[in-house]
Structure formats: structure tokens, C-alpha cells
Amino acid sequence: MPPELKRLMERYCQLGRLLPAGDDVDRAAALDDPDKREEARLILAEMDRVKAQIDAFLAADKRRRGTAND
């Protein structure tokens, strides 16, 4: 795995571990707190940005491989 992709995937997982854990009841209770809800929103937004970077990396790699195979 390319180091850049590995770094992005590790970051995505690291962010996911910051979200409230447990079952639906545990998560709902945690998110009743407005501060925790805002924190989760920020984490999810960062996860979306990292996911977009992962997707862009994979798309560029696919284009590169497709060109190399022509």
C-alpha cells in the first residue's frame, strides 16, 4: 500500500475512534450533550474530507493504471 494512502486510512480510522462508542442508546445519550454533538459533527466533517482524499487518491491511481495498461 502506498504510504500516502496508508496515512489517510490510518487518519480516517483514528477519527472514527473519537466518535461516541456503544450501542444506539449509549450514542444517543452521549449526543444529548450539545458540546459532544458539536464535537461529533466536527469529527464527521473531517472524516468526510479525509474520505474525499482517499477517493481522489484511488481515482488517480485507477487512471494511472488504466493509462499504463493501454
N, C-alpha and C. Protein backbone atom coordinates (compact mmCIF):
# COMPACT_ATOMS: atom_id res chain seq x y z
N MET A 1 0.86 -1.17 0.00
CA MET A 1 0.00 0.00 0.00
C MET A 1 0.91 1.24 0.00
N PRO A 2 0.59 2.20 -0.85
CA PRO A 2 1.39 3.43 -0.88
C PRO A 2 1.31 4.15 0.48
N PRO A 3 2.43 4.73 0.91
CA PRO A 3 2.45 5.40 2.22
C PRO A 3 1.39 6.49 2.37
N GLU A 4 1.13 7.25 1.31
CA GLU A 4 0.13 8.31 1.41
C GLU A 4 -1.26 7.73 1.67
N LEU A 5 -1.60 6.66 0.98
CA LEU A 5 -2.91 6.03 1.18
C LEU A 5 -3.00 5.44 2.58
N LYS A 6 -1.93 4.80 3.02
CA LYS A 6 -1.92 4.23 4.37
C LYS A 6 -2.12 5.32 5.41
N ARG A 7 -1.44 6.45 5.23
CA ARG A 7 -1.57 7.56 6.17
C ARG A 7 -3.00 8.07 6.22
N LEU A 8 -3.64 8.20 5.05
CA LEU A 8 -5.03 8.68 5.00
C LEU A 8 -5.97 7.69 5.67
N MET A 9 -5.77 6.41 5.42
CA MET A 9 -6.65 5.39 6.01
C MET A 9 -6.47 5.33 7.53
N GLU A 10 -5.23 5.47 7.99
CA GLU A 10 -4.99 5.49 9.43
C GLU A 10 -5.65 6.71 10.07
N ARG A 11 -5.59 7.85 9.39
CA ARG A 11 -6.22 9.07 9.91
C ARG A 11 -7.73 8.89 9.99
N TYR A 12 -8.33 8.30 8.96
CA TYR A 12 -9.77 8.06 8.94
C TYR A 12 -10.18 7.19 10.13
N CYS A 13 -9.42 6.13 10.37
CA CYS A 13 -9.73 5.23 11.49
C CYS A 13 -9.52 5.94 12.83
N GLN A 14 -8.46 6.73 12.92
CA GLN A 14 -8.18 7.48 14.14
C GLN A 14 -9.35 8.40 14.48
N LEU A 15 -9.87 9.08 13.48
CA LEU A 15 -11.01 9.96 13.69
C LEU A 15 -12.24 9.18 14.12
N GLY A 16 -12.47 8.04 13.49
CA GLY A 16 -13.63 7.22 13.83
C GLY A 16 -13.61 6.78 15.28
N ARG A 17 -12.41 6.53 15.81
CA ARG A 17 -12.31 6.11 17.21
C ARG A 17 -12.64 7.24 18.17
N LEU A 18 -12.68 8.47 17.70
CA LEU A 18 -13.03 9.61 18.55
C LEU A 18 -14.55 9.76 18.73
N LEU A 19 -15.31 9.11 17.88
CA LEU A 19 -16.78 9.22 17.96
C LEU A 19 -17.31 8.41 19.15
N PRO A 20 -18.48 8.79 19.66
CA PRO A 20 -19.07 8.03 20.77
C PRO A 20 -19.24 6.57 20.40
N ALA A 21 -18.87 5.70 21.33
CA ALA A 21 -18.97 4.26 21.10
C ALA A 21 -20.16 3.69 21.84
N GLY A 22 -20.43 2.43 21.60
CA GLY A 22 -21.50 1.73 22.30
C GLY A 22 -22.69 1.49 21.38
N ASP A 23 -23.77 1.05 21.99
CA ASP A 23 -24.97 0.78 21.20
C ASP A 23 -25.72 2.08 20.92
N ASP A 24 -26.85 1.97 20.28
CA ASP A 24 -27.63 3.16 19.91
C ASP A 24 -28.01 4.01 21.13
N VAL A 25 -28.34 3.35 22.23
CA VAL A 25 -28.74 4.07 23.44
C VAL A 25 -27.55 4.86 24.00
N ASP A 26 -26.38 4.21 24.03
CA ASP A 26 -25.17 4.89 24.54
C ASP A 26 -24.82 6.09 23.67
N ARG A 27 -24.86 5.90 22.37
CA ARG A 27 -24.53 7.01 21.46
C ARG A 27 -25.55 8.14 21.58
N ALA A 28 -26.82 7.80 21.66
CA ALA A 28 -27.85 8.82 21.79
C ALA A 28 -27.66 9.62 23.08
N ALA A 29 -27.33 8.94 24.16
CA ALA A 29 -27.11 9.63 25.44
C ALA A 29 -25.91 10.56 25.33
N ALA A 30 -24.85 10.10 24.70
CA ALA A 30 -23.65 10.94 24.54
C ALA A 30 -23.96 12.17 23.69
N LEU A 31 -24.76 11.99 22.67
CA LEU A 31 -25.04 13.09 21.75
C LEU A 31 -26.13 14.03 22.25
N ASP A 32 -26.73 13.72 23.41
CA ASP A 32 -27.68 14.66 24.03
C ASP A 32 -26.95 15.91 24.51
N ASP A 33 -25.68 15.76 24.79
CA ASP A 33 -24.85 16.90 25.23
C ASP A 33 -24.50 17.74 24.00
N PRO A 34 -24.90 19.02 23.98
CA PRO A 34 -24.64 19.86 22.80
C PRO A 34 -23.16 19.96 22.43
N ASP A 35 -22.29 19.98 23.43
CA ASP A 35 -20.85 20.06 23.15
C ASP A 35 -20.35 18.78 22.47
N LYS A 36 -20.81 17.65 22.97
CA LYS A 36 -20.40 16.37 22.37
C LYS A 36 -21.00 16.24 20.96
N ARG A 37 -22.21 16.73 20.77
CA ARG A 37 -22.84 16.68 19.46
C ARG A 37 -22.04 17.52 18.46
N GLU A 38 -21.60 18.70 18.87
CA GLU A 38 -20.80 19.56 18.00
C GLU A 38 -19.44 18.92 17.71
N GLU A 39 -18.86 18.32 18.72
CA GLU A 39 -17.58 17.62 18.52
C GLU A 39 -17.73 16.49 17.50
N ALA A 40 -18.81 15.72 17.63
CA ALA A 40 -19.06 14.63 16.69
C ALA A 40 -19.28 15.19 15.28
N ARG A 41 -19.96 16.30 15.17
CA ARG A 41 -20.19 16.92 13.86
C ARG A 41 -18.85 17.31 13.22
N LEU A 42 -17.96 17.89 14.02
CA LEU A 42 -16.65 18.28 13.51
C LEU A 42 -15.82 17.07 13.10
N ILE A 43 -15.88 16.01 13.90
CA ILE A 43 -15.15 14.79 13.57
C ILE A 43 -15.67 14.21 12.27
N LEU A 44 -16.99 14.15 12.13
CA LEU A 44 -17.57 13.60 10.90
C LEU A 44 -17.23 14.45 9.68
N ALA A 45 -17.18 15.75 9.85
CA ALA A 45 -16.80 16.62 8.74
C ALA A 45 -15.35 16.35 8.32
N GLU A 46 -14.47 16.17 9.30
CA GLU A 46 -13.07 15.85 8.99
C GLU A 46 -12.97 14.47 8.33
N MET A 47 -13.77 13.53 8.81
CA MET A 47 -13.79 12.20 8.18
C MET A 47 -14.23 12.31 6.72
N ASP A 48 -15.21 13.16 6.44
CA ASP A 48 -15.65 13.36 5.05
C ASP A 48 -14.52 13.91 4.20
N ARG A 49 -13.74 14.85 4.75
CA ARG A 49 -12.61 15.42 4.00
C ARG A 49 -11.54 14.36 3.72
N VAL A 50 -11.23 13.57 4.72
CA VAL A 50 -10.22 12.52 4.55
C VAL A 50 -10.73 11.47 3.55
N LYS A 51 -12.00 11.12 3.64
CA LYS A 51 -12.59 10.15 2.70
C LYS A 51 -12.50 10.68 1.28
N ALA A 52 -12.73 11.96 1.08
CA ALA A 52 -12.61 12.55 -0.26
C ALA A 52 -11.17 12.45 -0.75
N GLN A 53 -10.20 12.62 0.15
CA GLN A 53 -8.80 12.48 -0.24
C GLN A 53 -8.47 11.03 -0.61
N ILE A 54 -9.02 10.09 0.14
CA ILE A 54 -8.84 8.67 -0.18
C ILE A 54 -9.43 8.37 -1.55
N ASP A 55 -10.66 8.84 -1.78
CA ASP A 55 -11.32 8.61 -3.08
C ASP A 55 -10.52 9.22 -4.23
N ALA A 56 -10.00 10.42 -4.02
CA ALA A 56 -9.21 11.08 -5.06
C ALA A 56 -7.92 10.30 -5.32
N PHE A 57 -7.29 9.82 -4.28
CA PHE A 57 -6.07 9.03 -4.45
C PHE A 57 -6.37 7.77 -5.25
N LEU A 58 -7.44 7.07 -4.88
CA LEU A 58 -7.80 5.83 -5.58
C LEU A 58 -8.18 6.09 -7.04
N ALA A 59 -8.91 7.18 -7.29
CA ALA A 59 -9.29 7.52 -8.66
C ALA A 59 -8.06 7.84 -9.50
N ALA A 60 -7.11 8.59 -8.92
CA ALA A 60 -5.89 8.93 -9.65
C ALA A 60 -5.09 7.67 -9.93
N ASP A 61 -5.03 6.76 -8.97
CA ASP A 61 -4.31 5.51 -9.17
C ASP A 61 -4.97 4.67 -10.26
N LYS A 62 -6.30 4.65 -10.25
CA LYS A 62 -7.02 3.89 -11.27
C LYS A 62 -6.76 4.48 -12.67
N ARG A 63 -6.79 5.83 -12.75
CA ARG A 63 -6.49 6.46 -14.05
C ARG A 63 -5.07 6.14 -14.50
N ARG A 64 -4.15 6.21 -13.57
CA ARG A 64 -2.74 5.93 -13.89
C ARG A 64 -2.58 4.49 -14.37
N ARG A 65 -3.22 3.58 -13.69
CA ARG A 65 -3.13 2.17 -14.09
C ARG A 65 -3.82 1.91 -15.42
N GLY A 66 -4.94 2.59 -15.63
CA GLY A 66 -5.66 2.43 -16.91
C GLY A 66 -4.84 2.93 -18.06
N THR A 67 -4.16 4.05 -17.89
CA THR A 67 -3.30 4.61 -18.92
C THR A 67 -2.11 3.71 -19.16
N ALA A 68 -1.58 3.14 -18.09
CA ALA A 68 -0.40 2.29 -18.22
C ALA A 68 -0.73 0.99 -18.94
N ASN A 69 -1.99 0.55 -18.87
CA ASN A 69 -2.38 -0.72 -19.49
C ASN A 69 -2.80 -0.55 -20.94
N ASP A 70 -2.93 0.69 -21.44
CA ASP A 70 -3.37 0.89 -22.82
C ASP A 70 -2.25 0.64 -23.81
